[in-house]
Amino acid sequence: MVGAGETLFIPFGIWHTAKSLEPTISVAFDLLNAHNFPLFLKDVWGFKSRNGILKGAAATGYAAMGGAFCRIGDAVGVQRKSGHQ
């Protein structure tokens, strides 16, 4: 059980679920990088292709293009700002 103010770290590649035992506010985020992006694309394909090959291809292609744009941005030195200031 995780209490107020505590953090739960779940390492890359470990699937999990969570259940709130009472009303709660939680924050979760995923971090994509060059190491785990291919596995992310595999997951997108796996989830979206269940609804048809075209949907799987479209979603995976869209995600792959987004990753390519990010890599290009990194290569040319684009500075990204956090949405929280």
PDB file of N, CA and C in Angstrom:
ATOM      1  N   MET A   1       0.845  -1.181   0.000  1.00  0.00           N
ATOM      2  CA  MET A   1       0.000   0.000   0.000  1.00  0.00           C
ATOM      3  C   MET A   1       0.887   1.239   0.000  1.00  0.00           C
ATOM      4  N   VAL A   2       0.486   2.224  -0.775  1.00  0.00           N
ATOM      5  CA  VAL A   2       1.210   3.479  -0.869  1.00  0.00           C
ATOM      6  C   VAL A   2       0.405   4.536  -0.118  1.00  0.00           C
ATOM      7  N   GLY A   3       1.066   5.241   0.786  1.00  0.00           N
ATOM      8  CA  GLY A   3       0.394   6.258   1.587  1.00  0.00           C
ATOM      9  C   GLY A   3       0.580   7.651   1.024  1.00  0.00           C
ATOM     10  N   ALA A   4      -0.090   8.606   1.624  1.00  0.00           N
ATOM     11  CA  ALA A   4      -0.012  10.007   1.205  1.00  0.00           C
ATOM     12  C   ALA A   4       1.434  10.479   1.201  1.00  0.00           C
ATOM     13  N   GLY A   5       1.824  11.124   0.110  1.00  0.00           N
ATOM     14  CA  GLY A   5       3.169  11.664  -0.004  1.00  0.00           C
ATOM     15  C   GLY A   5       4.222  10.657  -0.419  1.00  0.00           C
ATOM     16  N   GLU A   6       3.862   9.399  -0.547  1.00  0.00           N
ATOM     17  CA  GLU A   6       4.816   8.369  -0.951  1.00  0.00           C
ATOM     18  C   GLU A   6       4.811   8.214  -2.461  1.00  0.00           C
ATOM     19  N   THR A   7       5.874   7.643  -2.988  1.00  0.00           N
ATOM     20  CA  THR A   7       6.019   7.425  -4.415  1.00  0.00           C
ATOM     21  C   THR A   7       6.219   5.943  -4.678  1.00  0.00           C
ATOM     22  N   LEU A   8       5.599   5.460  -5.712  1.00  0.00           N
ATOM     23  CA  LEU A   8       5.787   4.084  -6.149  1.00  0.00           C
ATOM     24  C   LEU A   8       6.503   4.119  -7.493  1.00  0.00           C
ATOM     25  N   PHE A   9       7.680   3.535  -7.563  1.00  0.00           N
ATOM     26  CA  PHE A   9       8.439   3.465  -8.804  1.00  0.00           C
ATOM     27  C   PHE A   9       8.244   2.089  -9.403  1.00  0.00           C
ATOM     28  N   ILE A  10       7.839   2.052 -10.667  1.00  0.00           N
ATOM     29  CA  ILE A  10       7.663   0.784 -11.364  1.00  0.00           C
ATOM     30  C   ILE A  10       8.655   0.776 -12.516  1.00  0.00           C
ATOM     31  N   PRO A  11       9.650  -0.104 -12.491  1.00  0.00           N
ATOM     32  CA  PRO A  11      10.685  -0.124 -13.530  1.00  0.00           C
ATOM     33  C   PRO A  11      10.121  -0.401 -14.919  1.00  0.00           C
ATOM     34  N   PHE A  12      10.863   0.039 -15.921  1.00  0.00           N
ATOM     35  CA  PHE A  12      10.501  -0.170 -17.317  1.00  0.00           C
ATOM     36  C   PHE A  12      10.225  -1.651 -17.571  1.00  0.00           C
ATOM     37  N   GLY A  13       9.155  -1.891 -18.308  1.00  0.00           N
ATOM     38  CA  GLY A  13       8.832  -3.239 -18.731  1.00  0.00           C
ATOM     39  C   GLY A  13       8.033  -4.053 -17.734  1.00  0.00           C
ATOM     40  N   ILE A  14       7.742  -3.501 -16.579  1.00  0.00           N
ATOM     41  CA  ILE A  14       6.969  -4.227 -15.567  1.00  0.00           C
ATOM     42  C   ILE A  14       5.509  -3.787 -15.676  1.00  0.00           C
ATOM     43  N   TRP A  15       4.640  -4.699 -16.102  1.00  0.00           N
ATOM     44  CA  TRP A  15       3.218  -4.386 -16.218  1.00  0.00           C
ATOM     45  C   TRP A  15       2.600  -4.424 -14.835  1.00  0.00           C
ATOM     46  N   HIS A  16       1.611  -3.575 -14.632  1.00  0.00           N
ATOM     47  CA  HIS A  16       1.008  -3.478 -13.306  1.00  0.00           C
ATOM     48  C   HIS A  16      -0.413  -2.954 -13.400  1.00  0.00           C
ATOM     49  N   THR A  17      -1.121  -3.075 -12.311  1.00  0.00           N
ATOM     50  CA  THR A  17      -2.427  -2.439 -12.142  1.00  0.00           C
ATOM     51  C   THR A  17      -2.436  -1.798 -10.762  1.00  0.00           C
ATOM     52  N   ALA A  18      -3.359  -0.906 -10.563  1.00  0.00           N
ATOM     53  CA  ALA A  18      -3.491  -0.258  -9.253  1.00  0.00           C
ATOM     54  C   ALA A  18      -4.968  -0.139  -8.912  1.00  0.00           C
ATOM     55  N   LYS A  19      -5.248  -0.156  -7.640  1.00  0.00           N
ATOM     56  CA  LYS A  19      -6.622  -0.021  -7.172  1.00  0.00           C
ATOM     57  C   LYS A  19      -6.639   0.968  -6.013  1.00  0.00           C
ATOM     58  N   SER A  20      -7.492   1.976  -6.115  1.00  0.00           N
ATOM     59  CA  SER A  20      -7.653   2.940  -5.023  1.00  0.00           C
ATOM     60  C   SER A  20      -8.681   2.405  -4.043  1.00  0.00           C
ATOM     61  N   LEU A  21      -8.309   2.380  -2.790  1.00  0.00           N
ATOM     62  CA  LEU A  21      -9.212   1.866  -1.769  1.00  0.00           C
ATOM     63  C   LEU A  21     -10.167   2.935  -1.247  1.00  0.00           C
ATOM     64  N   GLU A  22      -9.876   4.190  -1.571  1.00  0.00           N
ATOM     65  CA  GLU A  22     -10.727   5.316  -1.175  1.00  0.00           C
ATOM     66  C   GLU A  22     -10.533   6.418  -2.206  1.00  0.00           C
ATOM     67  N   PRO A  23     -11.377   7.450  -2.196  1.00  0.00           N
ATOM     68  CA  PRO A  23     -11.189   8.541  -3.164  1.00  0.00           C
ATOM     69  C   PRO A  23      -9.768   9.104  -3.055  1.00  0.00           C
ATOM     70  N   THR A  24      -9.140   9.312  -4.206  1.00  0.00           N
ATOM     71  CA  THR A  24      -7.742   9.723  -4.203  1.00  0.00           C
ATOM     72  C   THR A  24      -7.399  10.522  -5.456  1.00  0.00           C
ATOM     73  N   ILE A  25      -6.337  11.240  -5.386  1.00  0.00           N
ATOM     74  CA  ILE A  25      -5.771  11.914  -6.551  1.00  0.00           C
ATOM     75  C   ILE A  25      -4.378  11.343  -6.728  1.00  0.00           C
ATOM     76  N   SER A  26      -4.078  10.864  -7.919  1.00  0.00           N
ATOM     77  CA  SER A  26      -2.750  10.331  -8.170  1.00  0.00           C
ATOM     78  C   SER A  26      -2.223  10.883  -9.484  1.00  0.00           C
ATOM     79  N   VAL A  27      -0.931  10.881  -9.606  1.00  0.00           N
ATOM     80  CA  VAL A  27      -0.268  11.358 -10.808  1.00  0.00           C
ATOM     81  C   VAL A  27       0.624  10.241 -11.313  1.00  0.00           C
ATOM     82  N   ALA A  28       0.510   9.956 -12.580  1.00  0.00           N
ATOM     83  CA  ALA A  28       1.352   8.929 -13.182  1.00  0.00           C
ATOM     84  C   ALA A  28       1.856   9.443 -14.519  1.00  0.00           C
ATOM     85  N   PHE A  29       3.054   9.057 -14.888  1.00  0.00           N
ATOM     86  CA  PHE A  29       3.559   9.422 -16.199  1.00  0.00           C
ATOM     87  C   PHE A  29       4.485   8.344 -16.720  1.00  0.00           C
ATOM     88  N   ASP A  30       4.568   8.287 -18.013  1.00  0.00           N
ATOM     89  CA  ASP A  30       5.467   7.366 -18.702  1.00  0.00           C
ATOM     90  C   ASP A  30       6.546   8.193 -19.369  1.00  0.00           C
ATOM     91  N   LEU A  31       7.710   7.633 -19.461  1.00  0.00           N
ATOM     92  CA  LEU A  31       8.816   8.319 -20.099  1.00  0.00           C
ATOM     93  C   LEU A  31       9.261   7.497 -21.297  1.00  0.00           C
ATOM     94  N   LEU A  32       9.138   8.080 -22.474  1.00  0.00           N
ATOM     95  CA  LEU A  32       9.607   7.414 -23.685  1.00  0.00           C
ATOM     96  C   LEU A  32      10.988   7.936 -24.014  1.00  0.00           C
ATOM     97  N   ASN A  33      11.856   7.023 -24.435  1.00  0.00           N
ATOM     98  CA  ASN A  33      13.184   7.410 -24.873  1.00  0.00           C
ATOM     99  C   ASN A  33      13.638   6.455 -25.970  1.00  0.00           C
ATOM    100  N   ALA A  34      14.845   6.637 -26.458  1.00  0.00           N
ATOM    101  CA  ALA A  34      15.340   5.805 -27.555  1.00  0.00           C
ATOM    102  C   ALA A  34      15.372   4.331 -27.178  1.00  0.00           C
ATOM    103  N   HIS A  35      15.573   4.041 -25.902  1.00  0.00           N
ATOM    104  CA  HIS A  35      15.645   2.654 -25.459  1.00  0.00           C
ATOM    105  C   HIS A  35      14.289   1.949 -25.513  1.00  0.00           C
ATOM    106  N   ASN A  36      13.232   2.612 -25.051  1.00  0.00           N
ATOM    107  CA  ASN A  36      11.943   1.927 -24.942  1.00  0.00           C
ATOM    108  C   ASN A  36      10.949   2.285 -26.047  1.00  0.00           C
ATOM    109  N   PHE A  37      11.310   3.190 -26.955  1.00  0.00           N
ATOM    110  CA  PHE A  37      10.359   3.590 -27.996  1.00  0.00           C
ATOM    111  C   PHE A  37       9.955   2.434 -28.920  1.00  0.00           C
ATOM    112  N   PRO A  38      10.877   1.555 -29.345  1.00  0.00           N
ATOM    113  CA  PRO A  38      10.438   0.418 -30.175  1.00  0.00           C
ATOM    114  C   PRO A  38       9.401  -0.467 -29.469  1.00  0.00           C
ATOM    115  N   LEU A  39       9.560  -0.659 -28.168  1.00  0.00           N
ATOM    116  CA  LEU A  39       8.575  -1.463 -27.431  1.00  0.00           C
ATOM    117  C   LEU A  39       7.237  -0.734 -27.335  1.00  0.00           C
ATOM    118  N   PHE A  40       7.292   0.604 -27.227  1.00  0.00           N
ATOM    119  CA  PHE A  40       6.067   1.399 -27.226  1.00  0.00           C
ATOM    120  C   PHE A  40       5.323   1.210 -28.551  1.00  0.00           C
ATOM    121  N   LEU A  41       6.045   1.280 -29.665  1.00  0.00           N
ATOM    122  CA  LEU A  41       5.408   1.077 -30.973  1.00  0.00           C
ATOM    123  C   LEU A  41       4.802  -0.320 -31.078  1.00  0.00           C
ATOM    124  N   LYS A  42       5.492  -1.303 -30.536  1.00  0.00           N
ATOM    125  CA  LYS A  42       4.958  -2.673 -30.537  1.00  0.00           C
ATOM    126  C   LYS A  42       3.656  -2.736 -29.744  1.00  0.00           C
ATOM    127  N   ASP A  43       3.607  -2.042 -28.600  1.00  0.00           N
ATOM    128  CA  ASP A  43       2.382  -2.003 -27.798  1.00  0.00           C
ATOM    129  C   ASP A  43       1.251  -1.294 -28.544  1.00  0.00           C
ATOM    130  N   VAL A  44       1.569  -0.170 -29.202  1.00  0.00           N
ATOM    131  CA  VAL A  44       0.544   0.546 -29.974  1.00  0.00           C
ATOM    132  C   VAL A  44      -0.042  -0.394 -31.015  1.00  0.00           C
ATOM    133  N   TRP A  45       0.824  -1.086 -31.744  1.00  0.00           N
ATOM    134  CA  TRP A  45       0.350  -2.026 -32.761  1.00  0.00           C
ATOM    135  C   TRP A  45      -0.525  -3.109 -32.117  1.00  0.00           C
ATOM    136  N   GLY A  46      -0.060  -3.674 -31.015  1.00  0.00           N
ATOM    137  CA  GLY A  46      -0.803  -4.744 -30.361  1.00  0.00           C
ATOM    138  C   GLY A  46      -2.191  -4.319 -29.916  1.00  0.00           C
ATOM    139  N   PHE A  47      -2.294  -3.127 -29.337  1.00  0.00           N
ATOM    140  CA  PHE A  47      -3.589  -2.658 -28.860  1.00  0.00           C
ATOM    141  C   PHE A  47      -4.499  -2.219 -30.006  1.00  0.00           C
ATOM    142  N   LYS A  48      -3.966  -1.451 -30.928  1.00  0.00           N
ATOM    143  CA  LYS A  48      -4.809  -0.876 -31.984  1.00  0.00           C
ATOM    144  C   LYS A  48      -5.158  -1.873 -33.076  1.00  0.00           C
ATOM    145  N   SER A  49      -4.297  -2.831 -33.362  1.00  0.00           N
ATOM    146  CA  SER A  49      -4.590  -3.785 -34.435  1.00  0.00           C
ATOM    147  C   SER A  49      -5.697  -4.758 -34.041  1.00  0.00           C
ATOM    148  N   ARG A  50      -6.052  -4.799 -32.769  1.00  0.00           N
ATOM    149  CA  ARG A  50      -7.191  -5.622 -32.347  1.00  0.00           C
ATOM    150  C   ARG A  50      -8.482  -5.137 -33.001  1.00  0.00           C
ATOM    151  N   ASN A  51      -8.504  -3.852 -33.342  1.00  0.00           N
ATOM    152  CA  ASN A  51      -9.680  -3.252 -33.982  1.00  0.00           C
ATOM    153  C   ASN A  51      -9.530  -3.194 -35.494  1.00  0.00           C
ATOM    154  N   GLY A  52      -8.557  -3.896 -36.024  1.00  0.00           N
ATOM    155  CA  GLY A  52      -8.352  -3.950 -37.463  1.00  0.00           C
ATOM    156  C   GLY A  52      -6.938  -3.544 -37.841  1.00  0.00           C
ATOM    157  N   ILE A  53      -6.464  -4.154 -38.907  1.00  0.00           N
ATOM    158  CA  ILE A  53      -5.100  -3.898 -39.361  1.00  0.00           C
ATOM    159  C   ILE A  53      -4.920  -2.442 -39.768  1.00  0.00           C
ATOM    160  N   LEU A  54      -5.917  -1.859 -40.422  1.00  0.00           N
ATOM    161  CA  LEU A  54      -5.785  -0.459 -40.837  1.00  0.00           C
ATOM    162  C   LEU A  54      -5.663   0.473 -39.634  1.00  0.00           C
ATOM    163  N   LYS A  55      -6.454   0.235 -38.607  1.00  0.00           N
ATOM    164  CA  LYS A  55      -6.362   1.071 -37.405  1.00  0.00           C
ATOM    165  C   LYS A  55      -5.013   0.881 -36.721  1.00  0.00           C
ATOM    166  N   GLY A  56      -4.547  -0.341 -36.681  1.00  0.00           N
ATOM    167  CA  GLY A  56      -3.236  -0.609 -36.099  1.00  0.00           C
ATOM    168  C   GLY A  56      -2.128   0.080 -36.868  1.00  0.00           C
ATOM    169  N   ALA A  57      -2.193  -0.013 -38.197  1.00  0.00           N
ATOM    170  CA  ALA A  57      -1.166   0.618 -39.037  1.00  0.00           C
ATOM    171  C   ALA A  57      -1.217   2.134 -38.909  1.00  0.00           C
ATOM    172  N   ALA A  58      -2.413   2.704 -38.877  1.00  0.00           N
ATOM    173  CA  ALA A  58      -2.546   4.157 -38.773  1.00  0.00           C
ATOM    174  C   ALA A  58      -2.006   4.663 -37.437  1.00  0.00           C
ATOM    175  N   ALA A  59      -2.375   4.020 -36.348  1.00  0.00           N
ATOM    176  CA  ALA A  59      -1.928   4.457 -35.026  1.00  0.00           C
ATOM    177  C   ALA A  59      -0.422   4.269 -34.866  1.00  0.00           C
ATOM    178  N   THR A  60       0.097   3.133 -35.328  1.00  0.00           N
ATOM    179  CA  THR A  60       1.530   2.874 -35.204  1.00  0.00           C
ATOM    180  C   THR A  60       2.324   3.838 -36.084  1.00  0.00           C
ATOM    181  N   GLY A  61       1.830   4.096 -37.296  1.00  0.00           N
ATOM    182  CA  GLY A  61       2.497   5.055 -38.183  1.00  0.00           C
ATOM    183  C   GLY A  61       2.501   6.456 -37.604  1.00  0.00           C
ATOM    184  N   TYR A  62       1.388   6.860 -37.027  1.00  0.00           N
ATOM    185  CA  TYR A  62       1.286   8.182 -36.402  1.00  0.00           C
ATOM    186  C   TYR A  62       2.281   8.309 -35.251  1.00  0.00           C
ATOM    187  N   ALA A  63       2.346   7.273 -34.410  1.00  0.00           N
ATOM    188  CA  ALA A  63       3.280   7.293 -33.279  1.00  0.00           C
ATOM    189  C   ALA A  63       4.725   7.292 -33.772  1.00  0.00           C
ATOM    190  N   ALA A  64       5.016   6.516 -34.807  1.00  0.00           N
ATOM    191  CA  ALA A  64       6.373   6.463 -35.348  1.00  0.00           C
ATOM    192  C   ALA A  64       6.782   7.814 -35.929  1.00  0.00           C
ATOM    193  N   MET A  65       5.855   8.487 -36.613  1.00  0.00           N
ATOM    194  CA  MET A  65       6.162   9.819 -37.158  1.00  0.00           C
ATOM    195  C   MET A  65       6.425  10.802 -36.023  1.00  0.00           C
ATOM    196  N   GLY A  66       5.635  10.739 -34.962  1.00  0.00           N
ATOM    197  CA  GLY A  66       5.869  11.608 -33.816  1.00  0.00           C
ATOM    198  C   GLY A  66       7.252  11.383 -33.227  1.00  0.00           C
ATOM    199  N   GLY A  67       7.651  10.127 -33.114  1.00  0.00           N
ATOM    200  CA  GLY A  67       8.990   9.807 -32.614  1.00  0.00           C
ATOM    201  C   GLY A  67      10.079  10.329 -33.531  1.00  0.00           C
ATOM    202  N   ALA A  68       9.842  10.214 -34.850  1.00  0.00           N
ATOM    203  CA  ALA A  68      10.830  10.713 -35.815  1.00  0.00           C
ATOM    204  C   ALA A  68      10.982  12.228 -35.695  1.00  0.00           C
ATOM    205  N   PHE A  69       9.872  12.945 -35.555  1.00  0.00           N
ATOM    206  CA  PHE A  69       9.944  14.397 -35.395  1.00  0.00           C
ATOM    207  C   PHE A  69      10.694  14.767 -34.116  1.00  0.00           C
ATOM    208  N   CYS A  70      10.482  14.029 -33.056  1.00  0.00           N
ATOM    209  CA  CYS A  70      11.200  14.297 -31.811  1.00  0.00           C
ATOM    210  C   CYS A  70      12.700  14.049 -31.985  1.00  0.00           C
ATOM    211  N   ARG A  71      13.075  12.949 -32.667  1.00  0.00           N
ATOM    212  CA  ARG A  71      14.493  12.671 -32.895  1.00  0.00           C
ATOM    213  C   ARG A  71      15.140  13.764 -33.739  1.00  0.00           C
ATOM    214  N   ILE A  72      14.419  14.241 -34.765  1.00  0.00           N
ATOM    215  CA  ILE A  72      14.943  15.332 -35.589  1.00  0.00           C
ATOM    216  C   ILE A  72      15.116  16.584 -34.738  1.00  0.00           C
ATOM    217  N   GLY A  73      14.119  16.884 -33.930  1.00  0.00           N
ATOM    218  CA  GLY A  73      14.214  18.041 -33.039  1.00  0.00           C
ATOM    219  C   GLY A  73      15.410  17.937 -32.105  1.00  0.00           C
ATOM    220  N   ASP A  74      15.624  16.753 -31.539  1.00  0.00           N
ATOM    221  CA  ASP A  74      16.781  16.549 -30.660  1.00  0.00           C
ATOM    222  C   ASP A  74      18.084  16.768 -31.430  1.00  0.00           C
ATOM    223  N   ALA A  75      18.130  16.277 -32.667  1.00  0.00           N
ATOM    224  CA  ALA A  75      19.349  16.389 -33.473  1.00  0.00           C
ATOM    225  C   ALA A  75      19.700  17.839 -33.800  1.00  0.00           C
ATOM    226  N   VAL A  76      18.694  18.682 -33.962  1.00  0.00           N
ATOM    227  CA  VAL A  76      18.959  20.086 -34.301  1.00  0.00           C
ATOM    228  C   VAL A  76      18.940  20.990 -33.074  1.00  0.00           C
ATOM    229  N   GLY A  77      18.775  20.403 -31.889  1.00  0.00           N
ATOM    230  CA  GLY A  77      18.888  21.168 -30.658  1.00  0.00           C
ATOM    231  C   GLY A  77      17.634  21.900 -30.207  1.00  0.00           C
ATOM    232  N   VAL A  78      16.462  21.412 -30.588  1.00  0.00           N
ATOM    233  CA  VAL A  78      15.216  22.037 -30.134  1.00  0.00           C
ATOM    234  C   VAL A  78      15.113  21.896 -28.614  1.00  0.00           C
ATOM    235  N   GLN A  79      14.818  23.002 -27.961  1.00  0.00           N
ATOM    236  CA  GLN A  79      14.627  23.009 -26.503  1.00  0.00           C
ATOM    237  C   GLN A  79      13.138  22.896 -26.213  1.00  0.00           C
ATOM    238  N   ARG A  80      12.715  21.868 -25.516  1.00  0.00           N
ATOM    239  CA  ARG A  80      11.312  21.691 -25.176  1.00  0.00           C
ATOM    240  C   ARG A  80      11.046  22.281 -23.803  1.00  0.00           C
ATOM    241  N   LYS A  81       9.897  22.927 -23.679  1.00  0.00           N
ATOM    242  CA  LYS A  81       9.517  23.511 -22.396  1.00  0.00           C
ATOM    243  C   LYS A  81       8.446  22.640 -21.765  1.00  0.00           C
ATOM    244  N   SER A  82       8.481  22.561 -20.464  1.00  0.00           N
ATOM    245  CA  SER A  82       7.439  21.854 -19.740  1.00  0.00           C
ATOM    246  C   SER A  82       6.141  22.651 -19.826  1.00  0.00           C
ATOM    247  N   GLY A  83       5.024  21.963 -19.870  1.00  0.00           N
ATOM    248  CA  GLY A  83       3.731  22.631 -19.882  1.00  0.00           C
ATOM    249  C   GLY A  83       3.369  23.212 -18.523  1.00  0.00           C
ATOM    250  N   HIS A  84       4.144  22.881 -17.505  1.00  0.00           N
ATOM    251  CA  HIS A  84       3.874  23.343 -16.143  1.00  0.00           C
ATOM    252  C   HIS A  84       4.917  24.378 -15.755  1.00  0.00           C
ATOM    253  N   GLN A  85       4.463  25.587 -15.438  1.00  0.00           N
ATOM    254  CA  GLN A  85       5.424  26.644 -15.112  1.00  0.00           C
ATOM    255  C   GLN A  85       5.187  27.223 -13.759  1.00  0.00           C
TER     256      GLN A  85
END
